[in-house]
C-alpha cells in the first residue's frame, strides 16, 4: 500500500503535506488493498440488517470501524454489537455513556437502535462510509510517519464539521473535551499543563473558554469554520508540539552529556 510521504517534521512537514495532499490521497485511495476493502463494503453492506450481521463479517466491520477511527475495537465484537443495538436515542445507551463522541456517531450512522431508521441500504450510505474510511486510513498511515501529522489532519477534517454544526458553545467545547485528538490539540495550542484533565469538568470548560478568548479572540468554536482560523489553530499546535519535542530531546542530550562528563 502507498505510504504518505512526509520528508520533514514540524511546520515544514505540515506545509509539504498540505501542498501535496490531493495527489497523495488520490494515490493512496487507489492502493489495491484499500480498493478491495471498499469494493467489498460497497457490494455487501446493503444486505446487512442487524448489528449481529455486521460484527460477524470482519471485513465489513473493519471498514465500518475504520471510518470512525475505532479500528482498535475490531476484536471486541460483543462490545461493538451492544453499541450498535442500543443506538443513541436513549441518553443512557452505551454509546452515549462514552466521553468520546465517536461511538455515538458510529452507532447513529447505522440506525440499528430502538426506534431508529436502518441506514445500510440508503443510496448514499456506502459512499459516505467509504469516504470516511479512506480519510481515516490516510490519517493513520500519515501517523505512522509522524503522529503529529495524523492529529493535524484529523483536526482539519473534524473541526470544520464541528464548527459548522448546530449546538451551543458549551456543547461544542464538551465535544472537544471528549475527543482525545481534538482535546490534545487545544490543550497544546492553549499551553495547558498535562495534569489539567484531572480537575473538575466544569472548571476545565471555564479554563478552555478563557484561554481561547486570549489566544483566538473568542471562545466560540464556530470561528473555526473559517479556514484561516482553523489553520492558525493547527499551526499553533504543531509549533508547540515541535518545541516540546525539541526541549525533550535537548534535555535528554544534556543528561547524557552530564553522565559522560561525570
C-alpha atoms as a PDB file:
ATOM      1  CA  UNK A   1       0.000   0.000   0.000  1.00  0.00           C
ATOM      2  CA  UNK A   2       1.187   3.521  -0.787  1.00  0.00           C
ATOM      3  CA  UNK A   3       2.573   5.290   2.287  1.00  0.00           C
ATOM      4  CA  UNK A   4       2.187   9.065   2.652  1.00  0.00           C
ATOM      5  CA  UNK A   5       5.406  10.987   2.049  1.00  0.00           C
ATOM      6  CA  UNK A   6       6.332  13.389   4.858  1.00  0.00           C
ATOM      7  CA  UNK A   7      10.019  14.259   4.417  1.00  0.00           C
ATOM      8  CA  UNK A   8      10.138  16.835   7.220  1.00  0.00           C
ATOM      9  CA  UNK A   9       8.807  17.145  10.743  1.00  0.00           C
ATOM     10  CA  UNK A  10       7.045  20.090  12.329  1.00  0.00           C
ATOM     11  CA  UNK A  11       5.639  23.020  10.409  1.00  0.00           C
ATOM     12  CA  UNK A  12       7.739  22.351   7.297  1.00  0.00           C
ATOM     13  CA  UNK A  13       6.356  18.817   7.107  1.00  0.00           C
ATOM     14  CA  UNK A  14       2.797  20.097   7.557  1.00  0.00           C
ATOM     15  CA  UNK A  15       3.201  22.641   4.756  1.00  0.00           C
ATOM     16  CA  UNK A  16       4.587  19.924   2.469  1.00  0.00           C
ATOM     17  CA  UNK A  17       1.707  17.590   3.322  1.00  0.00           C
ATOM     18  CA  UNK A  18      -0.862  20.317   2.675  1.00  0.00           C
ATOM     19  CA  UNK A  19       0.668  21.164  -0.706  1.00  0.00           C
ATOM     20  CA  UNK A  20       0.761  17.527  -1.837  1.00  0.00           C
ATOM     21  CA  UNK A  21      -2.323  16.201  -0.045  1.00  0.00           C
ATOM     22  CA  UNK A  22      -4.661  15.861  -3.035  1.00  0.00           C
ATOM     23  CA  UNK A  23      -2.139  13.907  -5.104  1.00  0.00           C
ATOM     24  CA  UNK A  24      -1.033  11.747  -2.211  1.00  0.00           C
ATOM     25  CA  UNK A  25      -4.580  10.991  -1.085  1.00  0.00           C
ATOM     26  CA  UNK A  26      -5.639  10.035  -4.622  1.00  0.00           C
ATOM     27  CA  UNK A  27      -2.703   7.637  -4.961  1.00  0.00           C
ATOM     28  CA  UNK A  28      -3.364   6.217  -1.504  1.00  0.00           C
ATOM     29  CA  UNK A  29      -7.067   5.660  -2.248  1.00  0.00           C
ATOM     30  CA  UNK A  30      -6.191   3.693  -5.382  1.00  0.00           C
ATOM     31  CA  UNK A  31      -3.998   1.241  -3.473  1.00  0.00           C
ATOM     32  CA  UNK A  32      -5.015  -2.345  -4.245  1.00  0.00           C
ATOM     33  CA  UNK A  33      -5.670  -3.318  -0.625  1.00  0.00           C
ATOM     34  CA  UNK A  34      -7.849  -0.281   0.038  1.00  0.00           C
ATOM     35  CA  UNK A  35      -9.718  -0.795  -3.220  1.00  0.00           C
ATOM     36  CA  UNK A  36     -10.520  -4.427  -2.330  1.00  0.00           C
ATOM     37  CA  UNK A  37     -11.853  -3.430   1.084  1.00  0.00           C
ATOM     38  CA  UNK A  38     -14.015  -0.584  -0.184  1.00  0.00           C
ATOM     39  CA  UNK A  39     -15.414  -2.587  -3.111  1.00  0.00           C
ATOM     40  CA  UNK A  40     -16.332  -5.433  -0.769  1.00  0.00           C
ATOM     41  CA  UNK A  41     -18.057  -2.994   1.580  1.00  0.00           C
ATOM     42  CA  UNK A  42     -19.953  -1.374  -1.269  1.00  0.00           C
ATOM     43  CA  UNK A  43     -21.148  -4.759  -2.568  1.00  0.00           C
ATOM     44  CA  UNK A  44     -22.185  -6.268   0.779  1.00  0.00           C
ATOM     45  CA  UNK A  45     -23.300  -3.550   3.187  1.00  0.00           C
ATOM     46  CA  UNK A  46     -26.825  -3.112   1.788  1.00  0.00           C
ATOM     47  CA  UNK A  47     -27.641  -6.718   2.758  1.00  0.00           C
ATOM     48  CA  UNK A  48     -26.780  -6.089   6.428  1.00  0.00           C
ATOM     49  CA  UNK A  49     -29.939  -5.726   8.517  1.00  0.00           C
ATOM     50  CA  UNK A  50     -28.767  -6.292  12.100  1.00  0.00           C
ATOM     51  CA  UNK A  51     -25.807  -5.403  14.280  1.00  0.00           C
ATOM     52  CA  UNK A  52     -25.067  -9.112  14.627  1.00  0.00           C
ATOM     53  CA  UNK A  53     -24.824  -9.449  10.836  1.00  0.00           C
ATOM     54  CA  UNK A  54     -22.255  -6.646  10.749  1.00  0.00           C
ATOM     55  CA  UNK A  55     -19.986  -7.877  13.547  1.00  0.00           C
ATOM     56  CA  UNK A  56     -19.959 -11.393  12.063  1.00  0.00           C
ATOM     57  CA  UNK A  57     -18.350 -10.065   8.868  1.00  0.00           C
ATOM     58  CA  UNK A  58     -14.856  -8.969   9.866  1.00  0.00           C
ATOM     59  CA  UNK A  59     -14.124  -7.270   6.533  1.00  0.00           C
ATOM     60  CA  UNK A  60     -17.250  -5.141   6.708  1.00  0.00           C
ATOM     61  CA  UNK A  61     -16.700  -4.376  10.377  1.00  0.00           C
ATOM     62  CA  UNK A  62     -13.107  -3.357   9.690  1.00  0.00           C
ATOM     63  CA  UNK A  63     -14.221  -0.708   7.194  1.00  0.00           C
ATOM     64  CA  UNK A  64     -17.085   0.453   9.415  1.00  0.00           C
ATOM     65  CA  UNK A  65     -14.878   0.873  12.478  1.00  0.00           C
ATOM     66  CA  UNK A  66     -12.056   2.361  10.417  1.00  0.00           C
ATOM     67  CA  UNK A  67     -14.415   5.046   9.138  1.00  0.00           C
ATOM     68  CA  UNK A  68     -14.809   6.351  12.695  1.00  0.00           C
ATOM     69  CA  UNK A  69     -11.266   5.816  13.927  1.00  0.00           C
ATOM     70  CA  UNK A  70     -12.333   2.839  16.045  1.00  0.00           C
ATOM     71  CA  UNK A  71     -10.353   0.090  14.305  1.00  0.00           C
ATOM     72  CA  UNK A  72      -8.675  -0.907  17.578  1.00  0.00           C
ATOM     73  CA  UNK A  73     -12.045  -2.340  18.660  1.00  0.00           C
ATOM     74  CA  UNK A  74     -12.133  -4.862  15.804  1.00  0.00           C
ATOM     75  CA  UNK A  75     -11.801  -7.823  18.198  1.00  0.00           C
ATOM     76  CA  UNK A  76     -14.354  -6.503  20.707  1.00  0.00           C
ATOM     77  CA  UNK A  77     -17.321  -7.877  18.779  1.00  0.00           C
ATOM     78  CA  UNK A  78     -19.756  -8.167  21.692  1.00  0.00           C
ATOM     79  CA  UNK A  79     -19.000  -4.603  22.797  1.00  0.00           C
ATOM     80  CA  UNK A  80     -19.484  -3.202  19.290  1.00  0.00           C
ATOM     81  CA  UNK A  81     -22.701  -5.166  18.844  1.00  0.00           C
ATOM     82  CA  UNK A  82     -24.075  -3.640  22.062  1.00  0.00           C
ATOM     83  CA  UNK A  83     -23.033  -0.146  20.927  1.00  0.00           C
ATOM     84  CA  UNK A  84     -24.962  -0.641  17.690  1.00  0.00           C
ATOM     85  CA  UNK A  85     -28.035  -2.419  19.114  1.00  0.00           C
ATOM     86  CA  UNK A  86     -28.663   0.106  21.873  1.00  0.00           C
ATOM     87  CA  UNK A  87     -28.453   3.019  19.424  1.00  0.00           C
ATOM     88  CA  UNK A  88     -28.312   6.622  20.575  1.00  0.00           C
ATOM     89  CA  UNK A  89     -31.937   7.664  21.130  1.00  0.00           C
ATOM     90  CA  UNK A  90     -31.731   6.959  24.893  1.00  0.00           C
ATOM     91  CA  UNK A  91     -29.387   9.094  26.975  1.00  0.00           C
ATOM     92  CA  UNK A  92     -28.262   6.062  28.970  1.00  0.00           C
ATOM     93  CA  UNK A  93     -27.394   3.918  25.936  1.00  0.00           C
ATOM     94  CA  UNK A  94     -23.867   2.523  25.920  1.00  0.00           C
ATOM     95  CA  UNK A  95     -22.645   4.771  23.087  1.00  0.00           C
ATOM     96  CA  UNK A  96     -23.889   7.894  24.866  1.00  0.00           C
ATOM     97  CA  UNK A  97     -22.078   6.987  28.079  1.00  0.00           C
ATOM     98  CA  UNK A  98     -18.667   7.429  26.470  1.00  0.00           C
ATOM     99  CA  UNK A  99     -16.937  10.806  26.578  1.00  0.00           C
ATOM    100  CA  UNK A 100     -15.510  10.091  23.114  1.00  0.00           C
ATOM    101  CA  UNK A 101     -18.294  11.103  20.673  1.00  0.00           C
ATOM    102  CA  UNK A 102     -17.075   8.672  18.006  1.00  0.00           C
ATOM    103  CA  UNK A 103     -19.006   5.741  19.489  1.00  0.00           C
ATOM    104  CA  UNK A 104     -22.289   7.623  19.315  1.00  0.00           C
ATOM    105  CA  UNK A 105     -21.547   8.823  15.771  1.00  0.00           C
ATOM    106  CA  UNK A 106     -20.715   5.256  14.718  1.00  0.00           C
ATOM    107  CA  UNK A 107     -23.905   3.827  16.234  1.00  0.00           C
ATOM    108  CA  UNK A 108     -26.126   6.589  14.877  1.00  0.00           C
ATOM    109  CA  UNK A 109     -24.757   6.165  11.359  1.00  0.00           C
ATOM    110  CA  UNK A 110     -26.147   2.635  11.052  1.00  0.00           C
ATOM    111  CA  UNK A 111     -29.523   3.057  12.740  1.00  0.00           C
ATOM    112  CA  UNK A 112     -29.731  -0.376  14.372  1.00  0.00           C
ATOM    113  CA  UNK A 113     -31.044   1.034  17.661  1.00  0.00           C
ATOM    114  CA  UNK A 114     -34.634   1.114  19.008  1.00  0.00           C
ATOM    115  CA  UNK A 115     -36.855   3.464  17.039  1.00  0.00           C
ATOM    116  CA  UNK A 116     -34.068   4.303  14.589  1.00  0.00           C
ATOM    117  CA  UNK A 117     -34.179   4.004  10.802  1.00  0.00           C
ATOM    118  CA  UNK A 118     -31.868   1.391   9.300  1.00  0.00           C
ATOM    119  CA  UNK A 119     -29.404   3.189   7.021  1.00  0.00           C
ATOM    120  CA  UNK A 120     -27.355   0.401   5.430  1.00  0.00           C
ATOM    121  CA  UNK A 121     -29.396   0.338   2.224  1.00  0.00           C
ATOM    122  CA  UNK A 122     -29.730   4.125   1.876  1.00  0.00           C
ATOM    123  CA  UNK A 123     -28.435   5.408  -1.503  1.00  0.00           C
ATOM    124  CA  UNK A 124     -25.570   7.443  -0.053  1.00  0.00           C
ATOM    125  CA  UNK A 125     -24.669   5.221   2.886  1.00  0.00           C
ATOM    126  CA  UNK A 126     -21.843   3.163   1.391  1.00  0.00           C
ATOM    127  CA  UNK A 127     -20.248   6.105  -0.443  1.00  0.00           C
ATOM    128  CA  UNK A 128     -20.262   8.280   2.690  1.00  0.00           C
ATOM    129  CA  UNK A 129     -18.847   5.468   4.815  1.00  0.00           C
ATOM    130  CA  UNK A 130     -16.119   4.709   2.275  1.00  0.00           C
ATOM    131  CA  UNK A 131     -15.170   8.383   2.088  1.00  0.00           C
ATOM    132  CA  UNK A 132     -14.729   8.460   5.865  1.00  0.00           C
ATOM    133  CA  UNK A 133     -12.821   5.176   5.811  1.00  0.00           C
ATOM    134  CA  UNK A 134     -10.380   6.433   3.184  1.00  0.00           C
ATOM    135  CA  UNK A 135      -9.797   9.704   5.041  1.00  0.00           C
ATOM    136  CA  UNK A 136      -9.202   7.939   8.365  1.00  0.00           C
ATOM    137  CA  UNK A 137      -6.962   5.339   6.745  1.00  0.00           C
ATOM    138  CA  UNK A 138      -4.802   8.036   5.184  1.00  0.00           C
ATOM    139  CA  UNK A 139      -4.532   9.779   8.549  1.00  0.00           C
ATOM    140  CA  UNK A 140      -3.470   6.525  10.225  1.00  0.00           C
ATOM    141  CA  UNK A 141      -0.857   5.939   7.514  1.00  0.00           C
ATOM    142  CA  UNK A 142       0.424   9.503   7.912  1.00  0.00           C
ATOM    143  CA  UNK A 143       0.587   8.939  11.659  1.00  0.00           C
ATOM    144  CA  UNK A 144       2.918   6.006  11.124  1.00  0.00           C
ATOM    145  CA  UNK A 145       5.346   8.522   9.633  1.00  0.00           C
ATOM    146  CA  UNK A 146       4.646  11.319  12.113  1.00  0.00           C
ATOM    147  CA  UNK A 147       1.969  11.163  14.827  1.00  0.00           C
ATOM    148  CA  UNK A 148       1.612  14.961  14.864  1.00  0.00           C
ATOM    149  CA  UNK A 149       0.570  14.934  11.208  1.00  0.00           C
ATOM    150  CA  UNK A 150      -2.192  12.412  11.927  1.00  0.00           C
ATOM    151  CA  UNK A 151      -3.632  14.616  14.655  1.00  0.00           C
ATOM    152  CA  UNK A 152      -3.355  17.713  12.455  1.00  0.00           C
ATOM    153  CA  UNK A 153      -5.159  16.049   9.531  1.00  0.00           C
ATOM    154  CA  UNK A 154      -7.865  14.743  11.844  1.00  0.00           C
ATOM    155  CA  UNK A 155      -8.332  18.181  13.376  1.00  0.00           C
ATOM    156  CA  UNK A 156      -8.576  19.818   9.964  1.00  0.00           C
ATOM    157  CA  UNK A 157     -11.387  17.424   8.989  1.00  0.00           C
ATOM    158  CA  UNK A 158     -13.287  17.186  12.258  1.00  0.00           C
ATOM    159  CA  UNK A 159     -13.112  20.812  13.356  1.00  0.00           C
ATOM    160  CA  UNK A 160     -14.568  22.028  10.062  1.00  0.00           C
ATOM    161  CA  UNK A 161     -17.669  19.916  10.717  1.00  0.00           C
ATOM    162  CA  UNK A 162     -17.904  20.665  14.424  1.00  0.00           C
ATOM    163  CA  UNK A 163     -17.538  24.409  13.895  1.00  0.00           C
ATOM    164  CA  UNK A 164     -20.366  24.440  11.346  1.00  0.00           C
ATOM    165  CA  UNK A 165     -22.671  22.147  13.342  1.00  0.00           C
ATOM    166  CA  UNK A 166     -25.668  23.165  15.454  1.00  0.00           C
ATOM    167  CA  UNK A 167     -25.295  23.339  19.201  1.00  0.00           C
ATOM    168  CA  UNK A 168     -24.282  25.780  21.887  1.00  0.00           C
ATOM    169  CA  UNK A 169     -20.753  26.965  22.518  1.00  0.00           C
ATOM    170  CA  UNK A 170     -20.549  24.805  25.643  1.00  0.00           C
ATOM    171  CA  UNK A 171     -21.837  21.720  23.824  1.00  0.00           C
ATOM    172  CA  UNK A 172     -19.096  22.070  21.218  1.00  0.00           C
ATOM    173  CA  UNK A 173     -16.462  22.511  23.910  1.00  0.00           C
ATOM    174  CA  UNK A 174     -17.665  19.360  25.673  1.00  0.00           C
ATOM    175  CA  UNK A 175     -17.381  17.522  22.350  1.00  0.00           C
ATOM    176  CA  UNK A 176     -13.774  18.684  22.030  1.00  0.00           C
ATOM    177  CA  UNK A 177     -13.025  17.734  25.618  1.00  0.00           C
ATOM    178  CA  UNK A 178     -14.346  14.218  24.987  1.00  0.00           C
ATOM    179  CA  UNK A 179     -12.448  13.705  21.732  1.00  0.00           C
ATOM    180  CA  UNK A 180      -8.828  12.738  22.602  1.00  0.00           C
ATOM    181  CA  UNK A 181      -7.110  14.108  19.446  1.00  0.00           C
ATOM    182  CA  UNK A 182      -9.040  17.387  19.452  1.00  0.00           C
ATOM    183  CA  UNK A 183      -8.517  17.775  23.166  1.00  0.00           C
ATOM    184  CA  UNK A 184      -4.765  17.299  22.762  1.00  0.00           C
ATOM    185  CA  UNK A 185      -4.684  19.965  20.042  1.00  0.00           C
ATOM    186  CA  UNK A 186      -6.442  22.548  22.192  1.00  0.00           C
ATOM    187  CA  UNK A 187      -4.518  21.669  25.349  1.00  0.00           C
ATOM    188  CA  UNK A 188      -1.288  22.093  23.433  1.00  0.00           C
ATOM    189  CA  UNK A 189      -2.327  25.189  21.486  1.00  0.00           C
ATOM    190  CA  UNK A 190      -3.601  26.840  24.668  1.00  0.00           C
ATOM    191  CA  UNK A 191      -0.476  25.793  26.614  1.00  0.00           C
ATOM    192  CA  UNK A 192      -2.342  23.851  29.291  1.00  0.00           C
ATOM    193  CA  UNK A 193      -0.432  21.532  31.671  1.00  0.00           C
ATOM    194  CA  UNK A 194      -0.610  17.718  31.500  1.00  0.00           C
ATOM    195  CA  UNK A 195      -2.467  17.495  34.828  1.00  0.00           C
ATOM    196  CA  UNK A 196      -5.197  19.830  33.560  1.00  0.00           C
ATOM    197  CA  UNK A 197      -7.583  16.940  32.833  1.00  0.00           C
ATOM    198  CA  UNK A 198      -7.689  15.962  36.499  1.00  0.00           C
ATOM    199  CA  UNK A 199      -9.665  19.000  37.655  1.00  0.00           C
ATOM    200  CA  UNK A 200     -13.462  19.276  37.715  1.00  0.00           C
ATOM    201  CA  UNK A 201     -15.043  19.116  34.248  1.00  0.00           C
ATOM    202  CA  UNK A 202     -16.876  22.428  34.635  1.00  0.00           C
ATOM    203  CA  UNK A 203     -13.636  24.104  35.706  1.00  0.00           C
ATOM    204  CA  UNK A 204     -11.949  22.644  32.639  1.00  0.00           C
ATOM    205  CA  UNK A 205     -14.641  24.173  30.448  1.00  0.00           C
ATOM    206  CA  UNK A 206     -14.159  27.594  32.038  1.00  0.00           C
ATOM    207  CA  UNK A 207     -10.379  27.425  31.548  1.00  0.00           C
ATOM    208  CA  UNK A 208     -10.665  26.279  27.926  1.00  0.00           C
ATOM    209  CA  UNK A 209     -13.012  29.142  27.107  1.00  0.00           C
ATOM    210  CA  UNK A 210     -10.920  31.730  28.934  1.00  0.00           C
ATOM    211  CA  UNK A 211      -7.681  30.628  27.248  1.00  0.00           C
ATOM    212  CA  UNK A 212      -9.384  30.507  23.847  1.00  0.00           C
ATOM    213  CA  UNK A 213     -10.547  34.114  24.222  1.00  0.00           C
ATOM    214  CA  UNK A 214      -6.979  35.189  24.936  1.00  0.00           C
ATOM    215  CA  UNK A 215      -5.432  33.061  22.166  1.00  0.00           C
ATOM    216  CA  UNK A 216      -8.021  33.370  19.389  1.00  0.00           C
ATOM    217  CA  UNK A 217     -10.087  36.383  20.451  1.00  0.00           C
ATOM    218  CA  UNK A 218     -13.230  34.308  21.085  1.00  0.00           C
ATOM    219  CA  UNK A 219     -14.434  31.148  22.797  1.00  0.00           C
ATOM    220  CA  UNK A 220     -16.975  30.460  20.030  1.00  0.00           C
ATOM    221  CA  UNK A 221     -15.946  27.249  18.236  1.00  0.00           C
ATOM    222  CA  UNK A 222     -17.865  28.305  15.106  1.00  0.00           C
ATOM    223  CA  UNK A 223     -14.965  30.684  14.360  1.00  0.00           C
ATOM    224  CA  UNK A 224     -13.021  27.653  13.104  1.00  0.00           C
ATOM    225  CA  UNK A 225     -15.344  27.305  10.118  1.00  0.00           C
ATOM    226  CA  UNK A 226     -13.043  29.997   8.727  1.00  0.00           C
ATOM    227  CA  UNK A 227     -10.145  28.069   7.100  1.00  0.00           C
ATOM    228  CA  UNK A 228      -7.666  30.743   8.155  1.00  0.00           C
ATOM    229  CA  UNK A 229      -8.686  30.472  11.811  1.00  0.00           C
ATOM    230  CA  UNK A 230      -8.547  26.683  11.653  1.00  0.00           C
ATOM    231  CA  UNK A 231      -5.085  26.799  10.103  1.00  0.00           C
ATOM    232  CA  UNK A 232      -3.987  29.157  12.873  1.00  0.00           C
ATOM    233  CA  UNK A 233      -5.137  26.603  15.462  1.00  0.00           C
ATOM    234  CA  UNK A 234      -3.336  23.722  13.752  1.00  0.00           C
ATOM    235  CA  UNK A 235      -0.184  25.755  13.188  1.00  0.00           C
ATOM    236  CA  UNK A 236      -0.079  26.767  16.848  1.00  0.00           C
ATOM    237  CA  UNK A 237      -0.495  23.122  17.873  1.00  0.00           C
ATOM    238  CA  UNK A 238       2.273  21.903  15.547  1.00  0.00           C
ATOM    239  CA  UNK A 239       4.729  24.620  16.576  1.00  0.00           C
ATOM    240  CA  UNK A 240       4.159  23.973  20.285  1.00  0.00           C
ATOM    241  CA  UNK A 241       4.468  20.225  19.719  1.00  0.00           C
ATOM    242  CA  UNK A 242       7.707  20.753  17.804  1.00  0.00           C
ATOM    243  CA  UNK A 243       9.112  22.936  20.574  1.00  0.00           C
ATOM    244  CA  UNK A 244       8.107  20.374  23.186  1.00  0.00           C
ATOM    245  CA  UNK A 245       9.825  17.575  21.297  1.00  0.00           C
ATOM    246  CA  UNK A 246      12.905  19.751  20.813  1.00  0.00           C
ATOM    247  CA  UNK A 247      13.083  20.585  24.513  1.00  0.00           C
ATOM    248  CA  UNK A 248      12.657  16.902  25.419  1.00  0.00           C
ATOM    249  CA  UNK A 249      15.479  15.826  23.134  1.00  0.00           C
ATOM    250  CA  UNK A 250      17.637  18.674  24.408  1.00  0.00           C
ATOM    251  CA  UNK A 251      17.041  17.625  27.995  1.00  0.00           C
ATOM    252  CA  UNK A 252      17.888  14.024  27.171  1.00  0.00           C
ATOM    253  CA  UNK A 253      21.083  15.142  25.468  1.00  0.00           C
ATOM    254  CA  UNK A 254      22.032  17.320  28.434  1.00  0.00           C
ATOM    255  CA  UNK A 255      21.515  14.416  30.801  1.00  0.00           C
ATOM    256  CA  UNK A 256      23.635  12.133  28.648  1.00  0.00           C
ATOM    257  CA  UNK A 257      26.391  14.749  28.459  1.00  0.00           C
ATOM    258  CA  UNK A 258      26.367  15.173  32.233  1.00  0.00           C
ATOM    259  CA  UNK A 259      26.652  11.419  32.730  1.00  0.00           C
ATOM    260  CA  UNK A 260      29.552  11.183  30.294  1.00  0.00           C
ATOM    261  CA  UNK A 261      31.392  14.077  31.934  1.00  0.00           C
ATOM    262  CA  UNK A 262      30.975  12.549  35.364  1.00  0.00           C
END
